[in-house]
């Protein structure tokens, strides 16, 4: 027999699956129409607009797959945020040599929380930062513990050559806001100098 919490999880999963299909179906149709528009026009401007639309539709599809269709574990574990951030930055550094990554982490950075949520938060933030930074950009993450909270600041500075994917849907940041709130934390983002921005994530340590 399902308990109340089990029933809530089942209903939540059903709702997420239904919502995912309601989003993916029109997104796929829109992508097909973009392809038809490309065939009907040789205009460079139209081609650029189509590229932006396709990028945003791809972002939406990836977020639906990652956030709505992927199972979210409700169990909490003790994690080390510095290990997670180091792993992510090493992967990005290897794949994107034209962008410089720095991590300034002051231990201890452990908390008892849902690791999958934390990974989703920072993967979305890093993806947005990389798209905004462009060639020659610099992305720095500062992380420390302040009054029982893991306080993390991600700062990006744009390079000399802007990325062609600077026009993002912003959905990833909306997902970050929701996930941080689910973990009992706070999320803020603001613009900084040289077309950069600064995202701040505060998560309760819980231990």
N, C-alpha and C. Protein backbone atom coordinates (compact mmCIF):
# COMPACT_ATOMS: atom_id res chain seq x y z
N UNK A 1 0.85 -1.20 0.00
CA UNK A 1 0.00 0.00 0.00
C UNK A 1 0.89 1.25 0.00
N UNK A 2 0.48 2.26 -0.80
CA UNK A 2 1.24 3.49 -0.87
C UNK A 2 0.98 4.35 0.36
N UNK A 3 2.05 4.90 0.91
CA UNK A 3 1.88 5.88 1.98
C UNK A 3 1.53 7.22 1.35
N UNK A 4 1.21 8.19 2.21
CA UNK A 4 0.87 9.52 1.69
C UNK A 4 2.02 10.12 0.91
N UNK A 5 3.26 9.95 1.44
CA UNK A 5 4.42 10.51 0.74
C UNK A 5 4.68 9.77 -0.57
N UNK A 6 4.50 8.44 -0.57
CA UNK A 6 4.67 7.67 -1.81
C UNK A 6 3.67 8.11 -2.86
N UNK A 7 2.42 8.30 -2.43
CA UNK A 7 1.38 8.72 -3.36
C UNK A 7 1.69 10.08 -3.96
N UNK A 8 2.22 10.97 -3.12
CA UNK A 8 2.57 12.31 -3.61
C UNK A 8 3.68 12.23 -4.65
N UNK A 9 4.66 11.33 -4.42
CA UNK A 9 5.75 11.18 -5.38
C UNK A 9 5.25 10.63 -6.70
N UNK A 10 4.33 9.63 -6.63
CA UNK A 10 3.78 9.05 -7.84
C UNK A 10 3.01 10.10 -8.63
N UNK A 11 2.15 10.87 -7.93
CA UNK A 11 1.37 11.91 -8.60
C UNK A 11 2.27 12.97 -9.19
N UNK A 12 3.35 13.30 -8.48
CA UNK A 12 4.29 14.29 -8.97
C UNK A 12 4.99 13.79 -10.23
N UNK A 13 5.39 12.52 -10.25
CA UNK A 13 6.04 11.95 -11.42
C UNK A 13 5.08 11.93 -12.62
N UNK A 14 3.82 11.59 -12.38
CA UNK A 14 2.84 11.57 -13.46
C UNK A 14 2.64 12.97 -14.03
N UNK A 15 2.57 13.95 -13.14
CA UNK A 15 2.40 15.34 -13.58
C UNK A 15 3.60 15.81 -14.39
N UNK A 16 4.80 15.47 -13.93
CA UNK A 16 6.02 15.86 -14.64
C UNK A 16 6.07 15.24 -16.03
N UNK A 17 5.69 13.97 -16.13
CA UNK A 17 5.72 13.28 -17.43
C UNK A 17 4.73 13.91 -18.40
N UNK A 18 3.52 14.19 -17.89
CA UNK A 18 2.50 14.81 -18.74
C UNK A 18 2.95 16.20 -19.20
N UNK A 19 3.51 16.97 -18.26
CA UNK A 19 3.98 18.31 -18.59
C UNK A 19 5.12 18.27 -19.60
N UNK A 20 6.01 17.27 -19.44
CA UNK A 20 7.13 17.14 -20.37
C UNK A 20 6.64 16.94 -21.79
N UNK A 21 5.65 16.07 -21.98
CA UNK A 21 5.14 15.81 -23.33
C UNK A 21 4.39 17.03 -23.87
N UNK A 22 3.70 17.77 -23.00
CA UNK A 22 2.99 18.98 -23.45
C UNK A 22 3.98 20.05 -23.93
N UNK A 23 5.20 20.02 -23.40
CA UNK A 23 6.21 20.99 -23.82
C UNK A 23 6.97 20.48 -25.05
N UNK A 24 7.35 19.20 -25.05
CA UNK A 24 8.19 18.67 -26.11
C UNK A 24 7.46 18.60 -27.45
N UNK A 25 6.18 18.29 -27.44
CA UNK A 25 5.44 18.16 -28.71
C UNK A 25 5.40 19.47 -29.50
N UNK A 26 4.95 20.59 -28.90
CA UNK A 26 4.96 21.85 -29.66
C UNK A 26 6.37 22.32 -29.98
N UNK A 27 7.35 21.99 -29.12
CA UNK A 27 8.74 22.38 -29.41
C UNK A 27 9.24 21.67 -30.65
N UNK A 28 8.88 20.40 -30.80
CA UNK A 28 9.29 19.63 -31.99
C UNK A 28 8.63 20.20 -33.24
N UNK A 29 7.35 20.58 -33.14
CA UNK A 29 6.64 21.18 -34.28
C UNK A 29 7.30 22.50 -34.66
N UNK A 30 7.63 23.32 -33.65
CA UNK A 30 8.27 24.61 -33.92
C UNK A 30 9.61 24.41 -34.60
N UNK A 31 10.37 23.39 -34.19
CA UNK A 31 11.66 23.10 -34.80
C UNK A 31 11.48 22.72 -36.27
N UNK A 32 10.42 21.97 -36.57
CA UNK A 32 10.16 21.59 -37.96
C UNK A 32 9.84 22.82 -38.82
N UNK A 33 9.05 23.75 -38.26
CA UNK A 33 8.71 24.96 -39.01
C UNK A 33 9.95 25.83 -39.24
N UNK A 34 10.87 25.86 -38.28
CA UNK A 34 12.11 26.60 -38.47
C UNK A 34 12.88 26.03 -39.66
N UNK A 35 12.89 24.70 -39.78
CA UNK A 35 13.55 24.07 -40.92
C UNK A 35 12.91 24.47 -42.24
N UNK A 36 11.58 24.57 -42.25
CA UNK A 36 10.88 25.00 -43.47
C UNK A 36 11.20 26.45 -43.81
N UNK A 37 11.30 27.30 -42.80
CA UNK A 37 11.63 28.71 -43.03
C UNK A 37 13.01 28.83 -43.66
N UNK A 38 13.96 28.02 -43.18
CA UNK A 38 15.31 28.03 -43.76
C UNK A 38 15.28 27.70 -45.25
N UNK A 39 14.43 26.74 -45.63
CA UNK A 39 14.35 26.32 -47.03
C UNK A 39 13.77 27.41 -47.92
N UNK A 40 12.94 28.29 -47.33
CA UNK A 40 12.24 29.30 -48.13
C UNK A 40 13.00 30.62 -48.21
N UNK A 41 14.09 30.76 -47.46
CA UNK A 41 14.79 32.05 -47.46
C UNK A 41 16.30 31.84 -47.44
N UNK A 42 17.00 32.67 -48.22
CA UNK A 42 18.46 32.67 -48.25
C UNK A 42 19.03 33.86 -47.47
N UNK A 43 18.17 34.59 -46.77
CA UNK A 43 18.61 35.78 -46.06
C UNK A 43 19.51 35.42 -44.88
N UNK A 44 20.68 36.04 -44.77
CA UNK A 44 21.56 35.79 -43.61
C UNK A 44 20.89 36.16 -42.29
N UNK A 45 20.08 37.24 -42.31
CA UNK A 45 19.40 37.66 -41.09
C UNK A 45 18.38 36.62 -40.65
N UNK A 46 17.61 36.09 -41.61
CA UNK A 46 16.64 35.04 -41.29
C UNK A 46 17.37 33.81 -40.76
N UNK A 47 18.51 33.49 -41.35
CA UNK A 47 19.30 32.35 -40.91
C UNK A 47 19.76 32.53 -39.46
N UNK A 48 20.18 33.76 -39.13
CA UNK A 48 20.62 34.04 -37.76
C UNK A 48 19.46 33.88 -36.78
N UNK A 49 18.29 34.43 -37.15
CA UNK A 49 17.12 34.29 -36.29
C UNK A 49 16.75 32.81 -36.10
N UNK A 50 16.84 32.05 -37.18
CA UNK A 50 16.53 30.61 -37.09
C UNK A 50 17.51 29.90 -36.16
N UNK A 51 18.78 30.30 -36.22
CA UNK A 51 19.78 29.70 -35.33
C UNK A 51 19.44 29.95 -33.88
N UNK A 52 19.01 31.19 -33.58
CA UNK A 52 18.67 31.54 -32.19
C UNK A 52 17.44 30.75 -31.73
N UNK A 53 16.45 30.65 -32.61
CA UNK A 53 15.23 29.91 -32.26
C UNK A 53 15.56 28.45 -32.02
N UNK A 54 16.36 27.87 -32.92
CA UNK A 54 16.72 26.45 -32.77
C UNK A 54 17.51 26.21 -31.49
N UNK A 55 18.41 27.14 -31.15
CA UNK A 55 19.20 26.98 -29.93
C UNK A 55 18.30 26.98 -28.70
N UNK A 56 17.33 27.91 -28.68
CA UNK A 56 16.42 27.98 -27.54
C UNK A 56 15.53 26.74 -27.46
N UNK A 57 15.07 26.26 -28.61
CA UNK A 57 14.24 25.05 -28.62
C UNK A 57 15.05 23.83 -28.16
N UNK A 58 16.32 23.79 -28.55
CA UNK A 58 17.19 22.70 -28.10
C UNK A 58 17.39 22.77 -26.60
N UNK A 59 17.60 23.99 -26.08
CA UNK A 59 17.76 24.17 -24.63
C UNK A 59 16.52 23.69 -23.89
N UNK A 60 15.34 24.03 -24.43
CA UNK A 60 14.09 23.62 -23.80
C UNK A 60 13.98 22.10 -23.77
N UNK A 61 14.30 21.46 -24.89
CA UNK A 61 14.21 20.00 -24.96
C UNK A 61 15.17 19.33 -23.99
N UNK A 62 16.39 19.88 -23.90
CA UNK A 62 17.38 19.31 -22.98
C UNK A 62 16.94 19.46 -21.53
N UNK A 63 16.37 20.62 -21.20
CA UNK A 63 15.91 20.84 -19.83
C UNK A 63 14.73 19.95 -19.48
N UNK A 64 13.83 19.76 -20.45
CA UNK A 64 12.70 18.86 -20.21
C UNK A 64 13.20 17.45 -19.95
N UNK A 65 14.16 17.01 -20.76
CA UNK A 65 14.71 15.66 -20.60
C UNK A 65 15.42 15.52 -19.26
N UNK A 66 16.19 16.55 -18.90
CA UNK A 66 17.02 16.48 -17.70
C UNK A 66 16.21 16.71 -16.43
N UNK A 67 15.25 17.63 -16.49
CA UNK A 67 14.57 18.07 -15.29
C UNK A 67 13.22 17.39 -15.08
N UNK A 68 12.45 17.20 -16.15
CA UNK A 68 11.10 16.65 -16.00
C UNK A 68 11.05 15.14 -16.19
N UNK A 69 11.86 14.60 -17.10
CA UNK A 69 11.77 13.17 -17.39
C UNK A 69 12.78 12.34 -16.58
N UNK A 70 13.89 12.95 -16.20
CA UNK A 70 14.87 12.20 -15.40
C UNK A 70 14.35 12.03 -13.98
N UNK A 71 14.48 10.84 -13.40
CA UNK A 71 14.00 10.62 -12.03
C UNK A 71 14.83 11.41 -11.03
N UNK A 72 14.15 12.11 -10.12
CA UNK A 72 14.82 12.87 -9.08
C UNK A 72 14.79 12.06 -7.79
N UNK A 73 15.96 11.79 -7.22
CA UNK A 73 16.03 11.03 -5.98
C UNK A 73 15.63 11.92 -4.81
N UNK A 74 14.76 11.40 -3.94
CA UNK A 74 14.31 12.18 -2.79
C UNK A 74 15.23 11.98 -1.58
N UNK A 75 16.11 10.96 -1.64
CA UNK A 75 17.01 10.70 -0.52
C UNK A 75 18.08 11.79 -0.43
N UNK A 76 18.51 12.07 0.79
CA UNK A 76 19.56 13.07 1.00
C UNK A 76 20.83 12.37 1.47
N UNK A 77 21.96 12.95 1.08
CA UNK A 77 23.26 12.39 1.43
C UNK A 77 24.18 13.53 1.82
N UNK A 78 25.26 13.18 2.51
CA UNK A 78 26.28 14.16 2.81
C UNK A 78 27.19 14.30 1.59
N UNK A 79 27.28 15.49 1.05
CA UNK A 79 28.08 15.73 -0.15
C UNK A 79 29.16 16.76 0.16
N UNK A 80 30.17 16.76 -0.67
CA UNK A 80 31.23 17.77 -0.60
C UNK A 80 31.12 18.63 -1.85
N UNK A 81 30.69 19.86 -1.68
CA UNK A 81 30.44 20.73 -2.83
C UNK A 81 31.73 21.01 -3.61
N UNK A 82 32.85 21.10 -2.91
CA UNK A 82 34.11 21.38 -3.62
C UNK A 82 34.46 20.26 -4.59
N UNK A 83 34.17 19.00 -4.21
CA UNK A 83 34.43 17.88 -5.12
C UNK A 83 33.56 17.97 -6.36
N UNK A 84 32.27 18.30 -6.17
CA UNK A 84 31.34 18.40 -7.29
C UNK A 84 31.76 19.52 -8.24
N UNK A 85 32.10 20.69 -7.68
CA UNK A 85 32.49 21.82 -8.51
C UNK A 85 33.81 21.55 -9.23
N UNK A 86 34.76 20.93 -8.55
CA UNK A 86 36.05 20.60 -9.19
C UNK A 86 35.85 19.66 -10.36
N UNK A 87 35.00 18.66 -10.17
CA UNK A 87 34.71 17.71 -11.24
C UNK A 87 34.10 18.41 -12.45
N UNK A 88 33.12 19.29 -12.21
CA UNK A 88 32.46 19.99 -13.31
C UNK A 88 33.43 20.92 -14.04
N UNK A 89 34.23 21.68 -13.28
CA UNK A 89 35.14 22.63 -13.92
C UNK A 89 36.23 21.91 -14.69
N UNK A 90 36.69 20.77 -14.21
CA UNK A 90 37.69 20.00 -14.96
C UNK A 90 37.13 19.54 -16.30
N UNK A 91 35.87 19.11 -16.31
CA UNK A 91 35.25 18.68 -17.56
C UNK A 91 35.10 19.84 -18.53
N UNK A 92 34.66 21.00 -18.02
CA UNK A 92 34.49 22.17 -18.89
C UNK A 92 35.84 22.67 -19.40
N UNK A 93 36.87 22.67 -18.54
CA UNK A 93 38.19 23.14 -18.95
C UNK A 93 38.76 22.30 -20.08
N UNK A 94 38.55 21.00 -19.99
CA UNK A 94 39.05 20.11 -21.03
C UNK A 94 38.32 20.31 -22.35
N UNK A 95 37.02 20.60 -22.26
CA UNK A 95 36.20 20.74 -23.48
C UNK A 95 36.28 22.13 -24.08
N UNK A 96 36.58 23.15 -23.25
CA UNK A 96 36.55 24.54 -23.72
C UNK A 96 37.86 25.25 -23.35
N UNK A 97 38.94 24.99 -24.09
CA UNK A 97 40.24 25.60 -23.75
C UNK A 97 40.28 27.11 -23.95
N UNK A 98 39.32 27.68 -24.69
CA UNK A 98 39.32 29.13 -24.93
C UNK A 98 38.70 29.92 -23.77
N UNK A 99 38.16 29.23 -22.78
CA UNK A 99 37.58 29.89 -21.60
C UNK A 99 38.39 29.47 -20.38
N UNK A 100 38.70 30.43 -19.51
CA UNK A 100 39.48 30.16 -18.31
C UNK A 100 38.55 29.94 -17.11
N UNK A 101 38.79 28.87 -16.37
CA UNK A 101 37.97 28.54 -15.21
C UNK A 101 38.81 28.58 -13.94
N UNK A 102 38.26 29.18 -12.88
CA UNK A 102 38.92 29.21 -11.58
C UNK A 102 37.94 28.74 -10.51
N UNK A 103 38.47 28.03 -9.51
CA UNK A 103 37.67 27.63 -8.36
C UNK A 103 38.40 28.03 -7.09
N UNK A 104 37.77 28.89 -6.30
CA UNK A 104 38.31 29.32 -5.00
C UNK A 104 37.38 28.77 -3.92
N UNK A 105 37.69 27.58 -3.42
CA UNK A 105 36.83 26.89 -2.45
C UNK A 105 37.52 26.82 -1.10
N UNK A 106 36.81 27.29 -0.06
CA UNK A 106 37.36 27.28 1.29
C UNK A 106 36.62 26.22 2.12
N UNK A 107 37.28 25.08 2.41
CA UNK A 107 36.63 24.01 3.17
C UNK A 107 36.40 24.42 4.63
N UNK A 108 35.47 23.71 5.31
CA UNK A 108 34.67 22.57 4.82
C UNK A 108 33.47 23.03 4.00
N UNK A 109 33.13 22.25 2.97
CA UNK A 109 32.00 22.58 2.11
C UNK A 109 31.06 21.38 2.01
N UNK A 110 30.79 20.77 3.16
CA UNK A 110 29.91 19.60 3.19
C UNK A 110 28.51 20.00 3.63
N UNK A 111 27.52 19.30 3.08
CA UNK A 111 26.14 19.51 3.51
C UNK A 111 25.34 18.23 3.28
N UNK A 112 24.24 18.11 3.96
CA UNK A 112 23.36 16.95 3.85
C UNK A 112 22.17 17.37 3.00
N UNK A 113 22.16 16.95 1.75
CA UNK A 113 21.14 17.44 0.82
C UNK A 113 20.98 16.45 -0.33
N UNK A 114 20.20 16.83 -1.34
CA UNK A 114 19.96 15.99 -2.51
C UNK A 114 20.99 16.34 -3.58
N UNK A 115 21.93 15.42 -3.80
CA UNK A 115 23.04 15.69 -4.70
C UNK A 115 22.58 15.97 -6.12
N UNK A 116 21.55 15.26 -6.58
CA UNK A 116 21.10 15.44 -7.96
C UNK A 116 20.58 16.85 -8.18
N UNK A 117 19.89 17.41 -7.19
CA UNK A 117 19.43 18.79 -7.29
C UNK A 117 20.64 19.74 -7.40
N UNK A 118 21.62 19.52 -6.55
CA UNK A 118 22.80 20.39 -6.53
C UNK A 118 23.52 20.35 -7.88
N UNK A 119 23.67 19.16 -8.43
CA UNK A 119 24.33 19.03 -9.75
C UNK A 119 23.53 19.73 -10.84
N UNK A 120 22.20 19.61 -10.80
CA UNK A 120 21.36 20.30 -11.79
C UNK A 120 21.52 21.81 -11.68
N UNK A 121 21.57 22.31 -10.46
CA UNK A 121 21.71 23.76 -10.25
C UNK A 121 22.98 24.27 -10.90
N UNK A 122 24.12 23.65 -10.55
CA UNK A 122 25.39 24.19 -11.02
C UNK A 122 25.68 23.84 -12.48
N UNK A 123 25.13 22.75 -12.99
CA UNK A 123 25.31 22.46 -14.41
C UNK A 123 24.57 23.50 -15.26
N UNK A 124 23.37 23.92 -14.82
CA UNK A 124 22.63 24.95 -15.54
C UNK A 124 23.32 26.31 -15.44
N UNK A 125 23.85 26.64 -14.25
CA UNK A 125 24.55 27.91 -14.08
C UNK A 125 25.81 27.96 -14.94
N UNK A 126 26.56 26.86 -14.96
CA UNK A 126 27.78 26.83 -15.77
C UNK A 126 27.47 26.91 -17.26
N UNK A 127 26.41 26.24 -17.67
CA UNK A 127 26.04 26.29 -19.09
C UNK A 127 25.70 27.72 -19.50
N UNK A 128 24.92 28.42 -18.68
CA UNK A 128 24.60 29.82 -18.97
C UNK A 128 25.85 30.69 -18.98
N UNK A 129 26.75 30.46 -18.02
CA UNK A 129 27.97 31.26 -17.94
C UNK A 129 28.86 31.05 -19.16
N UNK A 130 28.98 29.80 -19.60
CA UNK A 130 29.80 29.48 -20.77
C UNK A 130 29.22 30.13 -22.02
N UNK A 131 27.90 30.07 -22.18
CA UNK A 131 27.27 30.65 -23.36
C UNK A 131 27.46 32.16 -23.39
N UNK A 132 27.46 32.80 -22.21
CA UNK A 132 27.61 34.25 -22.15
C UNK A 132 29.06 34.68 -22.28
N UNK A 133 29.99 33.87 -21.79
CA UNK A 133 31.40 34.28 -21.72
C UNK A 133 32.03 34.41 -23.10
N UNK A 134 31.86 33.40 -23.94
CA UNK A 134 32.47 33.43 -25.26
C UNK A 134 33.98 33.23 -25.20
N UNK A 135 34.63 33.33 -26.34
CA UNK A 135 36.08 33.08 -26.43
C UNK A 135 36.85 34.10 -25.60
N UNK A 136 37.77 33.61 -24.78
CA UNK A 136 38.57 34.50 -23.94
C UNK A 136 37.89 34.88 -22.64
N UNK A 137 36.72 34.32 -22.39
CA UNK A 137 35.99 34.64 -21.16
C UNK A 137 36.62 33.98 -19.94
N UNK A 138 36.24 34.49 -18.76
CA UNK A 138 36.74 33.96 -17.49
C UNK A 138 35.56 33.64 -16.59
N UNK A 139 35.54 32.42 -16.05
CA UNK A 139 34.48 32.00 -15.13
C UNK A 139 35.13 31.60 -13.81
N UNK A 140 34.71 32.27 -12.75
CA UNK A 140 35.28 32.02 -11.42
C UNK A 140 34.17 31.64 -10.46
N UNK A 141 34.43 30.60 -9.65
CA UNK A 141 33.47 30.19 -8.62
C UNK A 141 34.15 30.33 -7.26
N UNK A 142 33.50 31.10 -6.39
CA UNK A 142 33.94 31.24 -5.00
C UNK A 142 32.96 30.47 -4.12
N UNK A 143 33.48 29.66 -3.21
CA UNK A 143 32.60 28.86 -2.35
C UNK A 143 33.15 28.83 -0.93
N UNK A 144 32.26 29.07 0.03
CA UNK A 144 32.65 29.05 1.43
C UNK A 144 31.43 28.74 2.29
N UNK A 145 31.63 28.51 3.57
CA UNK A 145 30.53 28.28 4.51
C UNK A 145 30.36 29.50 5.39
N UNK A 146 29.12 30.02 5.43
CA UNK A 146 28.82 31.22 6.20
C UNK A 146 27.58 30.98 7.04
N UNK A 147 27.73 30.96 8.38
CA UNK A 147 26.60 30.85 9.30
C UNK A 147 25.66 29.69 8.94
N UNK A 148 26.24 28.51 8.72
CA UNK A 148 25.43 27.33 8.47
C UNK A 148 24.92 27.19 7.04
N UNK A 149 25.40 28.03 6.13
CA UNK A 149 25.00 27.96 4.72
C UNK A 149 26.24 27.81 3.84
N UNK A 150 26.09 26.99 2.78
CA UNK A 150 27.10 26.95 1.74
C UNK A 150 26.84 28.14 0.82
N UNK A 151 27.77 29.06 0.79
CA UNK A 151 27.60 30.29 0.02
C UNK A 151 28.50 30.22 -1.21
N UNK A 152 27.90 30.16 -2.39
CA UNK A 152 28.65 30.00 -3.64
C UNK A 152 28.34 31.14 -4.59
N UNK A 153 29.38 31.76 -5.12
CA UNK A 153 29.24 32.86 -6.09
C UNK A 153 29.91 32.44 -7.39
N UNK A 154 29.15 32.43 -8.49
CA UNK A 154 29.68 32.15 -9.82
C UNK A 154 29.72 33.45 -10.60
N UNK A 155 30.92 33.85 -11.00
CA UNK A 155 31.09 35.12 -11.72
C UNK A 155 31.70 34.85 -13.09
N UNK A 156 31.11 35.42 -14.12
CA UNK A 156 31.69 35.28 -15.46
C UNK A 156 31.95 36.65 -16.08
N UNK A 157 33.07 36.73 -16.77
CA UNK A 157 33.46 37.94 -17.51
C UNK A 157 33.56 37.57 -18.98
N UNK A 158 32.91 38.35 -19.83
CA UNK A 158 32.88 38.03 -21.27
C UNK A 158 34.25 38.29 -21.90
N UNK A 159 34.56 37.47 -22.90
CA UNK A 159 35.82 37.61 -23.60
C UNK A 159 35.75 38.63 -24.71
N UNK A 160 36.80 38.66 -25.53
CA UNK A 160 36.87 39.63 -26.63
C UNK A 160 35.93 39.26 -27.76
N UNK A 161 35.61 37.96 -27.85
CA UNK A 161 34.71 37.50 -28.90
C UNK A 161 33.49 36.88 -28.26
N UNK A 162 32.33 37.52 -28.44
CA UNK A 162 31.11 37.06 -27.81
C UNK A 162 30.65 35.73 -28.39
N UNK A 163 30.00 34.94 -27.56
CA UNK A 163 29.45 33.67 -28.01
C UNK A 163 28.23 33.92 -28.88
N UNK A 164 28.01 33.12 -29.95
CA UNK A 164 26.81 33.27 -30.77
C UNK A 164 25.55 32.81 -30.05
N UNK A 165 25.70 32.18 -28.87
CA UNK A 165 24.55 31.65 -28.14
C UNK A 165 24.19 32.51 -26.94
N UNK A 166 24.43 33.83 -27.03
CA UNK A 166 24.16 34.71 -25.89
C UNK A 166 22.67 34.93 -25.69
N UNK A 167 21.85 34.59 -26.66
CA UNK A 167 20.41 34.82 -26.54
C UNK A 167 19.73 33.54 -26.08
N UNK A 168 19.85 33.24 -24.80
CA UNK A 168 19.27 32.01 -24.26
C UNK A 168 17.85 32.26 -23.79
N UNK A 169 17.13 31.15 -23.58
CA UNK A 169 15.72 31.26 -23.17
C UNK A 169 15.57 31.71 -21.74
N UNK A 170 16.60 31.51 -20.91
CA UNK A 170 16.49 31.84 -19.50
C UNK A 170 15.79 30.79 -18.67
N UNK A 171 15.33 29.72 -19.32
CA UNK A 171 14.61 28.68 -18.60
C UNK A 171 15.53 28.01 -17.57
N UNK A 172 16.81 27.84 -17.93
CA UNK A 172 17.74 27.21 -17.01
C UNK A 172 17.85 27.95 -15.69
N UNK A 173 17.80 29.28 -15.74
CA UNK A 173 17.87 30.07 -14.51
C UNK A 173 16.58 29.91 -13.70
N UNK A 174 15.46 29.77 -14.39
CA UNK A 174 14.20 29.52 -13.69
C UNK A 174 14.23 28.19 -12.97
N UNK A 175 14.82 27.18 -13.62
CA UNK A 175 14.97 25.86 -13.00
C UNK A 175 15.87 25.98 -11.77
N UNK A 176 16.97 26.72 -11.88
CA UNK A 176 17.88 26.91 -10.75
C UNK A 176 17.16 27.53 -9.57
N UNK A 177 16.38 28.57 -9.84
CA UNK A 177 15.64 29.24 -8.76
C UNK A 177 14.73 28.27 -8.04
N UNK A 178 13.97 27.46 -8.80
CA UNK A 178 13.04 26.51 -8.21
C UNK A 178 13.77 25.46 -7.39
N UNK A 179 14.87 24.91 -7.94
CA UNK A 179 15.62 23.86 -7.25
C UNK A 179 16.23 24.38 -5.95
N UNK A 180 16.82 25.58 -6.00
CA UNK A 180 17.41 26.15 -4.78
C UNK A 180 16.34 26.35 -3.71
N UNK A 181 15.18 26.82 -4.11
CA UNK A 181 14.09 27.01 -3.15
C UNK A 181 13.65 25.68 -2.55
N UNK A 182 13.62 24.60 -3.36
CA UNK A 182 13.25 23.29 -2.86
C UNK A 182 14.22 22.80 -1.80
N UNK A 183 15.47 23.23 -1.89
CA UNK A 183 16.49 22.83 -0.92
C UNK A 183 16.56 23.79 0.26
N UNK A 184 15.64 24.76 0.31
CA UNK A 184 15.61 25.70 1.42
C UNK A 184 16.64 26.81 1.33
N UNK A 185 17.14 27.05 0.13
CA UNK A 185 18.17 28.07 -0.04
C UNK A 185 17.68 29.32 -0.75
N UNK A 186 18.63 30.15 -1.16
CA UNK A 186 18.32 31.40 -1.86
C UNK A 186 19.19 31.51 -3.10
N UNK A 187 18.63 32.15 -4.14
CA UNK A 187 19.34 32.30 -5.41
C UNK A 187 19.16 33.73 -5.91
N UNK A 188 20.26 34.36 -6.27
CA UNK A 188 20.23 35.72 -6.82
C UNK A 188 21.15 35.79 -8.02
N UNK A 189 20.80 36.63 -8.99
CA UNK A 189 21.67 36.86 -10.14
C UNK A 189 21.63 38.35 -10.48
N UNK A 190 22.78 38.89 -10.82
CA UNK A 190 22.86 40.32 -11.15
C UNK A 190 23.95 40.54 -12.19
N UNK A 191 23.85 41.64 -12.90
CA UNK A 191 24.85 41.98 -13.90
C UNK A 191 26.08 42.56 -13.21
N UNK A 192 27.23 42.35 -13.87
CA UNK A 192 28.47 42.94 -13.39
C UNK A 192 29.17 43.61 -14.56
N UNK A 193 30.39 44.09 -14.36
CA UNK A 193 31.09 44.81 -15.41
C UNK A 193 31.46 43.95 -16.59
N UNK A 194 31.77 44.59 -17.71
CA UNK A 194 32.23 43.95 -18.94
C UNK A 194 31.23 42.90 -19.43
N UNK A 195 29.94 43.25 -19.38
CA UNK A 195 28.87 42.38 -19.87
C UNK A 195 28.79 41.05 -19.12
N UNK A 196 29.40 40.98 -17.96
CA UNK A 196 29.37 39.74 -17.18
C UNK A 196 28.19 39.71 -16.24
N UNK A 197 28.11 38.63 -15.46
CA UNK A 197 27.06 38.53 -14.46
C UNK A 197 27.57 37.72 -13.27
N UNK A 198 26.84 37.81 -12.17
CA UNK A 198 27.22 37.12 -10.96
C UNK A 198 26.01 36.43 -10.37
N UNK A 199 26.11 35.10 -10.20
CA UNK A 199 25.02 34.30 -9.63
C UNK A 199 25.45 33.84 -8.24
N UNK A 200 24.55 34.00 -7.27
CA UNK A 200 24.85 33.63 -5.90
C UNK A 200 23.86 32.55 -5.44
N UNK A 201 24.40 31.44 -4.94
CA UNK A 201 23.59 30.34 -4.43
C UNK A 201 23.94 30.10 -2.97
N UNK A 202 22.94 30.14 -2.10
CA UNK A 202 23.14 29.86 -0.68
C UNK A 202 22.29 28.66 -0.31
N UNK A 203 22.92 27.57 0.17
CA UNK A 203 22.23 26.34 0.53
C UNK A 203 22.49 25.99 1.99
N UNK A 204 21.46 25.60 2.74
CA UNK A 204 21.68 25.23 4.15
C UNK A 204 22.53 23.98 4.24
N UNK A 205 23.47 23.97 5.19
CA UNK A 205 24.36 22.80 5.35
C UNK A 205 23.57 21.57 5.78
N UNK A 206 22.62 21.74 6.69
CA UNK A 206 21.75 20.62 7.07
C UNK A 206 22.41 19.57 7.89
N UNK A 207 23.62 19.82 8.43
CA UNK A 207 24.29 18.84 9.28
C UNK A 207 24.89 19.55 10.49
